[in-house]
C-alpha atoms as a PDB file:
ATOM      1  CA  MET A   1       0.526   0.024  -0.097  1.00  0.00           C
ATOM      2  CA  PRO A   2       1.422   3.342  -0.583  1.00  0.00           C
ATOM      3  CA  VAL A   3       3.013   6.141   2.019  1.00  0.00           C
ATOM      4  CA  THR A   4       0.129   8.082   4.167  1.00  0.00           C
ATOM      5  CA  ALA A   5       3.771  10.266   5.968  1.00  0.00           C
ATOM      6  CA  PRO A   6       3.338  13.028   5.154  1.00  0.00           C
ATOM      7  CA  MET A   7       5.078  13.464   2.068  1.00  0.00           C
ATOM      8  CA  GLN A   8       8.809  14.428   2.754  1.00  0.00           C
ATOM      9  CA  ARG A   9      11.847  12.533   0.771  1.00  0.00           C
ATOM     10  CA  PRO A  10      14.494  10.191   3.005  1.00  0.00           C
ATOM     11  CA  ARG A  11      17.779  10.891   4.938  1.00  0.00           C
ATOM     12  CA  SER A  12      19.129   7.197   5.657  1.00  0.00           C
ATOM     13  CA  VAL A  13      18.993   4.433   2.933  1.00  0.00           C
ATOM     14  CA  GLY A  14      17.489   2.142   5.206  1.00  0.00           C
ATOM     15  CA  GLU A  15      13.931   4.648   4.276  1.00  0.00           C
ATOM     16  CA  MET A  16      14.898   5.274   1.482  1.00  0.00           C
ATOM     17  CA  MET A  17      14.498   1.255   1.409  1.00  0.00           C
ATOM     18  CA  GLN A  18      11.222   1.649   2.210  1.00  0.00           C
ATOM     19  CA  ARG A  19      10.263   3.893   0.141  1.00  0.00           C
ATOM     20  CA  VAL A  20      11.165   1.892  -2.270  1.00  0.00           C
ATOM     21  CA  ALA A  21       9.339  -0.478  -2.350  1.00  0.00           C
ATOM     22  CA  PHE A  22       6.512   0.431  -2.812  1.00  0.00           C
ATOM     23  CA  MET A  23       7.820   1.929  -6.893  1.00  0.00           C
ATOM     24  CA  ILE A  24       6.979  -1.493  -8.446  1.00  0.00           C
ATOM     25  CA  THR A  25       3.585  -3.360  -6.917  1.00  0.00           C
ATOM     26  CA  PRO A  26       3.194  -6.804  -6.990  1.00  0.00           C
ATOM     27  CA  GLU A  27       0.256  -6.643  -9.403  1.00  0.00           C
ATOM     28  CA  GLY A  28       2.884  -5.279 -12.376  1.00  0.00           C
ATOM     29  CA  MET A  29       5.724  -7.278 -10.992  1.00  0.00           C
ATOM     30  CA  GLY A  30       3.662 -10.237 -11.957  1.00  0.00           C
ATOM     31  CA  ARG A  31       1.916  -9.452 -14.443  1.00  0.00           C
ATOM     32  CA  ALA A  32       5.932  -8.591 -15.594  1.00  0.00           C
ATOM     33  CA  LEU A  33       6.804 -12.229 -14.718  1.00  0.00           C
ATOM     34  CA  ALA A  34       4.202 -13.745 -17.236  1.00  0.00           C
ATOM     35  CA  PHE A  35       4.659 -11.121 -20.352  1.00  0.00           C
ATOM     36  CA  GLN A  36       5.139 -13.618 -23.037  1.00  0.00           C
ATOM     37  CA  PRO A  37       7.351 -12.012 -26.271  1.00  0.00           C
ATOM     38  CA  ARG A  38       7.250 -13.147 -30.097  1.00  0.00           C
ATOM     39  CA  PRO A  39      10.380 -14.223 -30.796  1.00  0.00           C
ATOM     40  CA  ASP A  40      12.164 -11.245 -32.003  1.00  0.00           C
ATOM     41  CA  ASP A  41      11.445  -9.029 -28.892  1.00  0.00           C
ATOM     42  CA  VAL A  42      14.935  -7.222 -27.712  1.00  0.00           C
ATOM     43  CA  PHE A  43      14.974  -7.051 -24.054  1.00  0.00           C
ATOM     44  CA  ILE A  44      16.897  -4.287 -22.910  1.00  0.00           C
ATOM     45  CA  ALA A  45      18.399  -5.377 -19.423  1.00  0.00           C
ATOM     46  CA  PRO A  46      21.038  -4.581 -18.260  1.00  0.00           C
ATOM     47  CA  PHE A  47      21.645  -3.788 -14.320  1.00  0.00           C
ATOM     48  CA  PRO A  48      20.475   0.248 -13.096  1.00  0.00           C
ATOM     49  CA  LYS A  49      23.391   2.697 -13.837  1.00  0.00           C
ATOM     50  CA  SER A  50      25.479   0.671 -16.935  1.00  0.00           C
ATOM     51  CA  GLY A  51      23.801   1.653 -19.758  1.00  0.00           C
ATOM     52  CA  THR A  52      20.677   1.335 -20.182  1.00  0.00           C
ATOM     53  CA  THR A  53      19.228   4.812 -21.061  1.00  0.00           C
ATOM     54  CA  TRP A  54      22.376   4.663 -23.411  1.00  0.00           C
ATOM     55  CA  LEU A  55      21.763   1.878 -24.559  1.00  0.00           C
ATOM     56  CA  GLN A  56      17.523   2.510 -24.883  1.00  0.00           C
ATOM     57  CA  GLN A  57      18.540   4.773 -27.072  1.00  0.00           C
ATOM     58  CA  ILE A  58      20.722   3.505 -29.712  1.00  0.00           C
ATOM     59  CA  VAL A  59      18.014   1.078 -30.472  1.00  0.00           C
ATOM     60  CA  HIS A  60      15.517   2.989 -30.652  1.00  0.00           C
ATOM     61  CA  THR A  61      17.546   5.258 -32.894  1.00  0.00           C
ATOM     62  CA  LEU A  62      18.135   1.723 -35.395  1.00  0.00           C
ATOM     63  CA  ARG A  63      14.619   0.430 -35.765  1.00  0.00           C
ATOM     64  CA  THR A  64      13.630   4.043 -36.196  1.00  0.00           C
ATOM     65  CA  ARG A  65      15.779   6.219 -38.038  1.00  0.00           C
ATOM     66  CA  GLY A  66      16.611   8.532 -35.654  1.00  0.00           C
ATOM     67  CA  ASP A  67      12.733   8.947 -34.201  1.00  0.00           C
ATOM     68  CA  MET A  68      12.273  11.492 -30.566  1.00  0.00           C
ATOM     69  CA  ALA A  69       8.530  12.552 -31.371  1.00  0.00           C
ATOM     70  CA  PHE A  70       8.291  10.534 -27.833  1.00  0.00           C
ATOM     71  CA  GLU A  71       8.049  12.426 -24.232  1.00  0.00           C
ATOM     72  CA  GLU A  72      10.205  10.208 -22.446  1.00  0.00           C
ATOM     73  CA  ILE A  73      12.095   7.616 -24.116  1.00  0.00           C
ATOM     74  CA  THR A  74      10.168   4.823 -20.983  1.00  0.00           C
ATOM     75  CA  GLN A  75       7.166   5.897 -24.001  1.00  0.00           C
ATOM     76  CA  VAL A  76       8.462   4.264 -26.966  1.00  0.00           C
ATOM     77  CA  ILE A  77      10.924   1.734 -25.028  1.00  0.00           C
ATOM     78  CA  PRO A  78       8.615   0.593 -21.454  1.00  0.00           C
ATOM     79  CA  TRP A  79       9.951  -0.430 -18.473  1.00  0.00           C
ATOM     80  CA  LEU A  80       8.568  -3.824 -18.072  1.00  0.00           C
ATOM     81  CA  GLU A  81       8.272  -3.750 -14.260  1.00  0.00           C
ATOM     82  CA  LEU A  82       6.392  -0.878 -14.045  1.00  0.00           C
ATOM     83  CA  ALA A  83       4.992  -0.830 -17.357  1.00  0.00           C
ATOM     84  CA  HIS A  84       0.917  -1.679 -15.630  1.00  0.00           C
ATOM     85  CA  ASP A  85       1.680   0.710 -12.375  1.00  0.00           C
ATOM     86  CA  MET A  86       2.409   3.537 -14.741  1.00  0.00           C
ATOM     87  CA  GLY A  87      -0.878   2.306 -17.349  1.00  0.00           C
ATOM     88  CA  ILE A  88       1.146   1.056 -20.142  1.00  0.00           C
ATOM     89  CA  ASP A  89       0.108  -1.550 -21.886  1.00  0.00           C
ATOM     90  CA  VAL A  90       3.017  -3.605 -23.230  1.00  0.00           C
ATOM     91  CA  GLU A  91       1.347  -5.511 -26.161  1.00  0.00           C
ATOM     92  CA  ALA A  92       0.018  -2.044 -27.453  1.00  0.00           C
ATOM     93  CA  GLY A  93       1.812  -1.231 -30.654  1.00  0.00           C
ATOM     94  CA  GLN A  94       5.520   0.488 -30.530  1.00  0.00           C
ATOM     95  CA  PRO A  95       6.538   3.151 -33.338  1.00  0.00           C
ATOM     96  CA  ALA A  96       8.522   0.319 -34.950  1.00  0.00           C
ATOM     97  CA  ARG A  97       9.766  -2.981 -34.880  1.00  0.00           C
ATOM     98  CA  PRO A  98      12.176  -4.421 -33.273  1.00  0.00           C
ATOM     99  CA  ARG A  99       9.560  -3.810 -30.109  1.00  0.00           C
ATOM    100  CA  ALA A 100      12.122  -3.427 -27.126  1.00  0.00           C
ATOM    101  CA  PHE A 101      12.033  -3.571 -23.721  1.00  0.00           C
ATOM    102  CA  LYS A 102      13.960  -2.002 -20.877  1.00  0.00           C
ATOM    103  CA  THR A 103      14.527  -4.655 -17.713  1.00  0.00           C
ATOM    104  CA  HIS A 104      16.511  -5.748 -14.628  1.00  0.00           C
ATOM    105  CA  LEU A 105      15.018  -8.479 -14.748  1.00  0.00           C
ATOM    106  CA  GLY A 106      18.208 -11.263 -13.705  1.00  0.00           C
ATOM    107  CA  TRP A 107      18.011 -14.441 -17.056  1.00  0.00           C
ATOM    108  CA  ASP A 108      16.334 -16.633 -13.747  1.00  0.00           C
ATOM    109  CA  GLN A 109      13.777 -14.054 -14.039  1.00  0.00           C
ATOM    110  CA  VAL A 110      13.392 -12.470 -17.043  1.00  0.00           C
ATOM    111  CA  PRO A 111      10.920 -13.633 -19.445  1.00  0.00           C
ATOM    112  CA  LYS A 112      12.147 -15.956 -22.095  1.00  0.00           C
ATOM    113  CA  GLY A 113      12.173 -16.223 -25.919  1.00  0.00           C
ATOM    114  CA  ALA A 114      12.901 -13.305 -27.103  1.00  0.00           C
ATOM    115  CA  ARG A 115      16.456 -11.356 -27.595  1.00  0.00           C
ATOM    116  CA  TYR A 116      18.052  -9.501 -24.792  1.00  0.00           C
ATOM    117  CA  ILE A 117      20.770  -6.716 -24.761  1.00  0.00           C
ATOM    118  CA  VAL A 118      22.765  -6.461 -21.457  1.00  0.00           C
ATOM    119  CA  SER A 119      25.696  -4.098 -21.062  1.00  0.00           C
ATOM    120  CA  VAL A 120      28.295  -4.890 -17.945  1.00  0.00           C
ATOM    121  CA  ARG A 121      30.077  -1.543 -16.178  1.00  0.00           C
ATOM    122  CA  ASP A 122      32.726  -1.066 -13.217  1.00  0.00           C
ATOM    123  CA  PRO A 123      30.538  -1.337 -10.489  1.00  0.00           C
ATOM    124  CA  ARG A 124      32.134   0.903  -8.272  1.00  0.00           C
ATOM    125  CA  ASP A 125      31.487   3.338 -11.255  1.00  0.00           C
ATOM    126  CA  VAL A 126      28.139   1.997 -10.780  1.00  0.00           C
ATOM    127  CA  LEU A 127      28.206   2.551  -7.489  1.00  0.00           C
ATOM    128  CA  VAL A 128      28.483   6.770  -8.325  1.00  0.00           C
ATOM    129  CA  SER A 129      26.175   6.107 -10.360  1.00  0.00           C
ATOM    130  CA  GLN A 130      23.440   5.731  -8.352  1.00  0.00           C
ATOM    131  CA  PHE A 131      24.693   8.156  -5.622  1.00  0.00           C
ATOM    132  CA  HIS A 132      23.971  10.879  -8.420  1.00  0.00           C
ATOM    133  CA  PHE A 133      20.945   9.515  -9.560  1.00  0.00           C
ATOM    134  CA  TRP A 134      19.250   9.004  -5.951  1.00  0.00           C
ATOM    135  CA  ASN A 135      20.607  12.237  -4.664  1.00  0.00           C
ATOM    136  CA  GLY A 136      17.921  14.937  -4.421  1.00  0.00           C
ATOM    137  CA  TRP A 137      15.019  12.802  -5.794  1.00  0.00           C
ATOM    138  CA  PHE A 138      14.907   8.871  -3.091  1.00  0.00           C
ATOM    139  CA  TYR A 139      17.192  10.533  -0.270  1.00  0.00           C
ATOM    140  CA  GLU A 140      17.308  14.657   0.445  1.00  0.00           C
ATOM    141  CA  ALA A 141      20.466  16.246  -1.237  1.00  0.00           C
ATOM    142  CA  GLY A 142      22.992  15.772   0.698  1.00  0.00           C
ATOM    143  CA  THR A 143      21.745  13.631   3.609  1.00  0.00           C
ATOM    144  CA  VAL A 144      23.294  10.397   2.410  1.00  0.00           C
ATOM    145  CA  SER A 145      27.149  10.295   1.705  1.00  0.00           C
ATOM    146  CA  ILE A 146      28.495   7.689  -0.875  1.00  0.00           C
ATOM    147  CA  ASP A 147      29.954   5.915   2.085  1.00  0.00           C
ATOM    148  CA  ASP A 148      26.267   5.214   3.586  1.00  0.00           C
ATOM    149  CA  LEU A 149      25.317   4.436  -0.059  1.00  0.00           C
ATOM    150  CA  ALA A 150      27.742   1.303  -0.680  1.00  0.00           C
ATOM    151  CA  MET A 151      27.397   0.191   2.954  1.00  0.00           C
ATOM    152  CA  GLY A 152      23.374   0.121   3.389  1.00  0.00           C
ATOM    153  CA  LEU A 153      22.790  -1.245  -0.063  1.00  0.00           C
ATOM    154  CA  PHE A 154      25.175  -1.735  -2.669  1.00  0.00           C
ATOM    155  CA  LEU A 155      26.855  -3.704  -0.248  1.00  0.00           C
ATOM    156  CA  ASN A 156      24.559  -5.085   1.468  1.00  0.00           C
ATOM    157  CA  PRO A 157      23.980  -8.675   2.039  1.00  0.00           C
ATOM    158  CA  ASN A 158      19.765  -8.165   2.844  1.00  0.00           C
ATOM    159  CA  VAL A 159      19.239  -6.436  -0.438  1.00  0.00           C
ATOM    160  CA  PRO A 160      17.821  -8.996  -2.581  1.00  0.00           C
ATOM    161  CA  PHE A 161      17.855  -6.729  -5.942  1.00  0.00           C
ATOM    162  CA  ASN A 162      21.797  -5.806  -6.479  1.00  0.00           C
ATOM    163  CA  TYR A 163      24.647  -5.302  -8.365  1.00  0.00           C
ATOM    164  CA  TRP A 164      26.844  -9.468  -7.762  1.00  0.00           C
ATOM    165  CA  PRO A 165      23.391 -11.367  -8.433  1.00  0.00           C
ATOM    166  CA  HIS A 166      22.603  -9.217 -11.670  1.00  0.00           C
ATOM    167  CA  LEU A 167      25.591 -10.368 -13.060  1.00  0.00           C
ATOM    168  CA  GLN A 168      26.335 -13.782 -11.195  1.00  0.00           C
ATOM    169  CA  SER A 169      22.739 -14.459 -13.226  1.00  0.00           C
ATOM    170  CA  TRP A 170      24.172 -13.159 -17.157  1.00  0.00           C
ATOM    171  CA  TRP A 171      27.426 -13.868 -17.419  1.00  0.00           C
ATOM    172  CA  PRO A 172      26.907 -17.412 -17.868  1.00  0.00           C
ATOM    173  CA  GLN A 173      24.283 -16.356 -20.832  1.00  0.00           C
ATOM    174  CA  ARG A 174      27.150 -14.419 -22.787  1.00  0.00           C
ATOM    175  CA  GLU A 175      27.572 -17.218 -25.338  1.00  0.00           C
ATOM    176  CA  ARG A 176      23.759 -17.556 -26.247  1.00  0.00           C
ATOM    177  CA  PRO A 177      22.990 -16.713 -29.977  1.00  0.00           C
ATOM    178  CA  ASP A 178      19.923 -15.076 -28.591  1.00  0.00           C
ATOM    179  CA  VAL A 179      21.952 -12.567 -25.993  1.00  0.00           C
ATOM    180  CA  LEU A 180      24.736  -9.438 -26.555  1.00  0.00           C
ATOM    181  CA  MET A 181      26.704  -9.305 -23.378  1.00  0.00           C
ATOM    182  CA  LEU A 182      28.942  -5.145 -23.659  1.00  0.00           C
ATOM    183  CA  CYS A 183      31.380  -3.909 -21.689  1.00  0.00           C
ATOM    184  CA  TYR A 184      30.330   0.066 -20.942  1.00  0.00           C
ATOM    185  CA  GLU A 185      33.636   1.723 -21.186  1.00  0.00           C
ATOM    186  CA  SER A 186      34.419  -0.707 -24.496  1.00  0.00           C
ATOM    187  CA  MET A 187      30.790   1.153 -25.728  1.00  0.00           C
ATOM    188  CA  LEU A 188      32.492   3.832 -24.558  1.00  0.00           C
ATOM    189  CA  ALA A 189      35.986   3.633 -26.558  1.00  0.00           C
ATOM    190  CA  ASP A 190      34.043   2.591 -29.852  1.00  0.00           C
ATOM    191  CA  PRO A 191      30.496   3.581 -29.915  1.00  0.00           C
ATOM    192  CA  GLU A 192      30.916   2.449 -33.529  1.00  0.00           C
ATOM    193  CA  ALA A 193      31.856  -0.840 -33.393  1.00  0.00           C
ATOM    194  CA  ALA A 194      28.741  -1.242 -31.040  1.00  0.00           C
ATOM    195  CA  ILE A 195      26.448  -0.053 -32.707  1.00  0.00           C
ATOM    196  CA  ARG A 196      27.462  -2.197 -35.140  1.00  0.00           C
ATOM    197  CA  ARG A 197      27.387  -4.977 -33.026  1.00  0.00           C
ATOM    198  CA  ILE A 198      24.057  -4.327 -31.797  1.00  0.00           C
ATOM    199  CA  ALA A 199      22.717  -3.682 -34.866  1.00  0.00           C
ATOM    200  CA  ALA A 200      23.507  -6.256 -36.493  1.00  0.00           C
ATOM    201  CA  PHE A 201      22.219  -8.609 -32.818  1.00  0.00           C
ATOM    202  CA  ILE A 202      18.480  -6.914 -33.843  1.00  0.00           C
ATOM    203  CA  GLY A 203      18.623  -7.121 -37.144  1.00  0.00           C
ATOM    204  CA  VAL A 204      18.323  -3.593 -38.003  1.00  0.00           C
ATOM    205  CA  PRO A 205      20.211  -3.057 -41.573  1.00  0.00           C
ATOM    206  CA  LEU A 206      22.935  -0.270 -41.022  1.00  0.00           C
ATOM    207  CA  ASP A 207      24.034   1.912 -43.587  1.00  0.00           C
ATOM    208  CA  ASP A 208      26.525   5.046 -43.825  1.00  0.00           C
ATOM    209  CA  ALA A 209      23.361   7.131 -43.258  1.00  0.00           C
ATOM    210  CA  LEU A 210      21.916   5.208 -39.918  1.00  0.00           C
ATOM    211  CA  LEU A 211      25.870   4.872 -38.674  1.00  0.00           C
ATOM    212  CA  ARG A 212      26.689   8.037 -38.516  1.00  0.00           C
ATOM    213  CA  LEU A 213      22.687   9.564 -36.996  1.00  0.00           C
ATOM    214  CA  THR A 214      22.812   6.517 -34.849  1.00  0.00           C
ATOM    215  CA  LEU A 215      26.821   8.046 -33.455  1.00  0.00           C
ATOM    216  CA  GLU A 216      24.667  11.456 -33.654  1.00  0.00           C
ATOM    217  CA  HIS A 217      21.544  10.392 -31.907  1.00  0.00           C
ATOM    218  CA  ALA A 218      23.643   8.178 -28.844  1.00  0.00           C
ATOM    219  CA  SER A 219      26.469  11.063 -28.079  1.00  0.00           C
ATOM    220  CA  VAL A 220      26.161  12.402 -25.014  1.00  0.00           C
ATOM    221  CA  ASP A 221      26.300  16.351 -26.145  1.00  0.00           C
ATOM    222  CA  PHE A 222      22.673  14.976 -27.763  1.00  0.00           C
ATOM    223  CA  MET A 223      21.607  13.294 -25.615  1.00  0.00           C
ATOM    224  CA  ARG A 224      22.668  16.176 -22.849  1.00  0.00           C
ATOM    225  CA  ALA A 225      20.299  18.466 -25.449  1.00  0.00           C
ATOM    226  CA  HIS A 226      17.134  16.256 -24.797  1.00  0.00           C
ATOM    227  CA  ALA A 227      17.402  15.503 -20.699  1.00  0.00           C
ATOM    228  CA  ARG A 228      14.398  16.117 -20.300  1.00  0.00           C
ATOM    229  CA  GLN A 229      13.474  13.230 -23.054  1.00  0.00           C
ATOM    230  CA  PHE A 230      15.689  10.718 -20.516  1.00  0.00           C
ATOM    231  CA  ASP A 231      15.640  11.718 -17.066  1.00  0.00           C
ATOM    232  CA  ASP A 232      12.046   9.288 -15.620  1.00  0.00           C
ATOM    233  CA  HIS A 233       9.957  12.552 -15.475  1.00  0.00           C
ATOM    234  CA  LEU A 234       7.136  10.174 -16.140  1.00  0.00           C
ATOM    235  CA  VAL A 235       7.420   8.078 -13.761  1.00  0.00           C
ATOM    236  CA  ARG A 236       7.924  10.331 -11.210  1.00  0.00           C
ATOM    237  CA  GLU A 237       4.877  11.536 -11.788  1.00  0.00           C
ATOM    238  CA  ALA A 238       3.601   7.891 -11.305  1.00  0.00           C
ATOM    239  CA  ARG A 239       5.245   6.443  -8.976  1.00  0.00           C
ATOM    240  CA  ASP A 240       6.746   9.661  -6.146  1.00  0.00           C
ATOM    241  CA  HIS A 241       3.790   9.559  -4.923  1.00  0.00           C
ATOM    242  CA  VAL A 242       2.577   6.619  -3.856  1.00  0.00           C
ATOM    243  CA  CYS A 243       6.333   6.276  -2.482  1.00  0.00           C
ATOM    244  CA  GLY A 244       5.405   8.948  -0.049  1.00  0.00           C
ATOM    245  CA  LEU A 245       7.965  11.550  -2.306  1.00  0.00           C
ATOM    246  CA  PRO A 246       7.123  15.601  -2.392  1.00  0.00           C
ATOM    247  CA  PRO A 247       7.506  17.139  -5.949  1.00  0.00           C
ATOM    248  CA  SER A 248      11.160  17.585  -7.377  1.00  0.00           C
ATOM    249  CA  ASP A 249      13.644  18.610 -10.022  1.00  0.00           C
ATOM    250  CA  SER A 250      16.116  17.170  -8.775  1.00  0.00           C
ATOM    251  CA  GLY A 251      18.125  14.560  -8.901  1.00  0.00           C
ATOM    252  CA  GLY A 252      17.045  11.243 -11.309  1.00  0.00           C
ATOM    253  CA  HIS A 253      18.929  12.766 -13.690  1.00  0.00           C
ATOM    254  CA  LYS A 254      20.603  10.080 -16.063  1.00  0.00           C
ATOM    255  CA  VAL A 255      22.380  11.262 -19.182  1.00  0.00           C
ATOM    256  CA  ARG A 256      25.774  13.168 -17.085  1.00  0.00           C
ATOM    257  CA  SER A 257      29.605  13.006 -17.988  1.00  0.00           C
ATOM    258  CA  GLY A 258      29.984   9.864 -20.566  1.00  0.00           C
ATOM    259  CA  LYS A 259      32.996   8.594 -19.339  1.00  0.00           C
ATOM    260  CA  ALA A 260      34.701   5.550 -17.787  1.00  0.00           C
ATOM    261  CA  GLY A 261      36.521   5.756 -13.950  1.00  0.00           C
ATOM    262  CA  GLY A 262      34.681   8.327 -12.150  1.00  0.00           C
ATOM    263  CA  HIS A 263      35.060   6.520  -8.915  1.00  0.00           C
ATOM    264  CA  GLU A 264      38.748   6.894  -8.501  1.00  0.00           C
ATOM    265  CA  ALA A 265      38.371  10.387  -7.289  1.00  0.00           C
ATOM    266  CA  VAL A 266      35.127   9.935  -5.323  1.00  0.00           C
ATOM    267  CA  LEU A 267      35.050   6.450  -3.432  1.00  0.00           C
ATOM    268  CA  SER A 268      36.879   5.776  -0.011  1.00  0.00           C
ATOM    269  CA  ASP A 269      40.200   4.055   0.405  1.00  0.00           C
ATOM    270  CA  ALA A 270      36.965   1.527   2.753  1.00  0.00           C
ATOM    271  CA  VAL A 271      34.072   2.257   0.364  1.00  0.00           C
ATOM    272  CA  ARG A 272      37.707   0.627  -2.295  1.00  0.00           C
ATOM    273  CA  ALA A 273      38.268  -2.489  -0.147  1.00  0.00           C
ATOM    274  CA  ALA A 274      34.679  -3.597   0.505  1.00  0.00           C
ATOM    275  CA  LEU A 275      34.518  -3.287  -3.113  1.00  0.00           C
ATOM    276  CA  ASP A 276      37.508  -5.350  -4.209  1.00  0.00           C
ATOM    277  CA  GLU A 277      36.207  -7.746  -1.410  1.00  0.00           C
ATOM    278  CA  ALA A 278      32.751  -8.214  -2.778  1.00  0.00           C
ATOM    279  CA  TRP A 279      34.399  -9.203  -6.160  1.00  0.00           C
ATOM    280  CA  GLN A 280      36.496 -12.090  -4.916  1.00  0.00           C
ATOM    281  CA  ARG A 281      33.741 -13.653  -2.968  1.00  0.00           C
ATOM    282  CA  GLU A 282      30.591 -12.836  -5.406  1.00  0.00           C
ATOM    283  CA  ILE A 283      32.240 -12.789  -8.431  1.00  0.00           C
ATOM    284  CA  ALA A 284      36.026 -13.962  -8.398  1.00  0.00           C
ATOM    285  CA  GLY A 285      35.149 -17.880  -6.900  1.00  0.00           C
ATOM    286  CA  PRO A 286      31.287 -18.330  -8.268  1.00  0.00           C
ATOM    287  CA  LEU A 287      32.086 -17.098 -11.574  1.00  0.00           C
ATOM    288  CA  GLY A 288      36.138 -16.875 -13.029  1.00  0.00           C
ATOM    289  CA  LEU A 289      36.995 -13.713 -13.676  1.00  0.00           C
ATOM    290  CA  PRO A 290      39.914 -11.862 -10.866  1.00  0.00           C
ATOM    291  CA  ASP A 291      38.936  -8.742 -11.508  1.00  0.00           C
ATOM    292  CA  TYR A 292      36.612  -6.517 -13.603  1.00  0.00           C
ATOM    293  CA  ALA A 293      39.643  -6.054 -15.983  1.00  0.00           C
ATOM    294  CA  ALA A 294      39.334  -9.440 -17.105  1.00  0.00           C
ATOM    295  CA  LEU A 295      35.636  -9.539 -17.244  1.00  0.00           C
ATOM    296  CA  ARG A 296      36.622  -6.758 -19.635  1.00  0.00           C
ATOM    297  CA  ARG A 297      38.716  -8.495 -21.503  1.00  0.00           C
ATOM    298  CA  VAL A 298      36.673 -11.751 -22.014  1.00  0.00           C
ATOM    299  CA  LEU A 299      33.974  -9.607 -23.174  1.00  0.00           C
ATOM    300  CA  GLU A 300      36.259  -7.849 -26.228  1.00  0.00           C
ATOM    301  CA  GLY A 301      37.903 -10.456 -27.118  1.00  0.00           C
ATOM    302  CA  ALA A 302      34.244 -12.330 -27.668  1.00  0.00           C
ATOM    303  CA  GLY A 303      33.804  -9.073 -29.988  1.00  0.00           C
END
């Protein structure tokens, strides 16, 4: 049931997590899990803050040759888990084929029978991006430190949906013909190569004009210039009041630096050490990847 307390932004990670729990209703999640995709559907399925919106823009540009006639990207590539709670019919027509959907579900939960694009990002940069994204939206700006967020959420073993299980679920699927796994940092380093792979994967013929257009529309400068179309404001309008959040135009911004390695100037030694320990425990042992650099080498070798 919705939050009934006075509308105010949380001031701690614990309170924030209580509010986030109201974002997606059990009915909405149930409908997402029961969704029956078509074989040519595309699920854009990274962990949050790992390139989801960027991939949405690439896929939508490719399939429509640059259509920008939407208020917010969620309208044309719906978020599967939240669609019902936003009043979006996932079976409604989309601007072009293939149909595309955003999801953050792991492989064990995502509806099967479609195609899946997953970008993976350095967890240290994911944490920094999460911090900026939530700041001023799901917690009062300046009241939660990045160390608080790291220890209370990102590294909290009691949080069921997190970076580590998401990667654990998708990594073994990376060589499936219906899965395209990309490295976020490699996409930044060579966006043309990434666009070519995505176009081939989703079955969109790529000519030189469409390649140039997609490079432009998926650039940081273009997406910043059209930031309102990528800022989740429709999600806020539909769900903030249910989560007990007052209206706000701050926080929730998705297009920031468009760079990798931002964690280097931000994270404390304690958080770095804790992230390294988590990687060794959750990824190095189970997946045989000693560090993120090793993961990147594997994915780049697969390209």
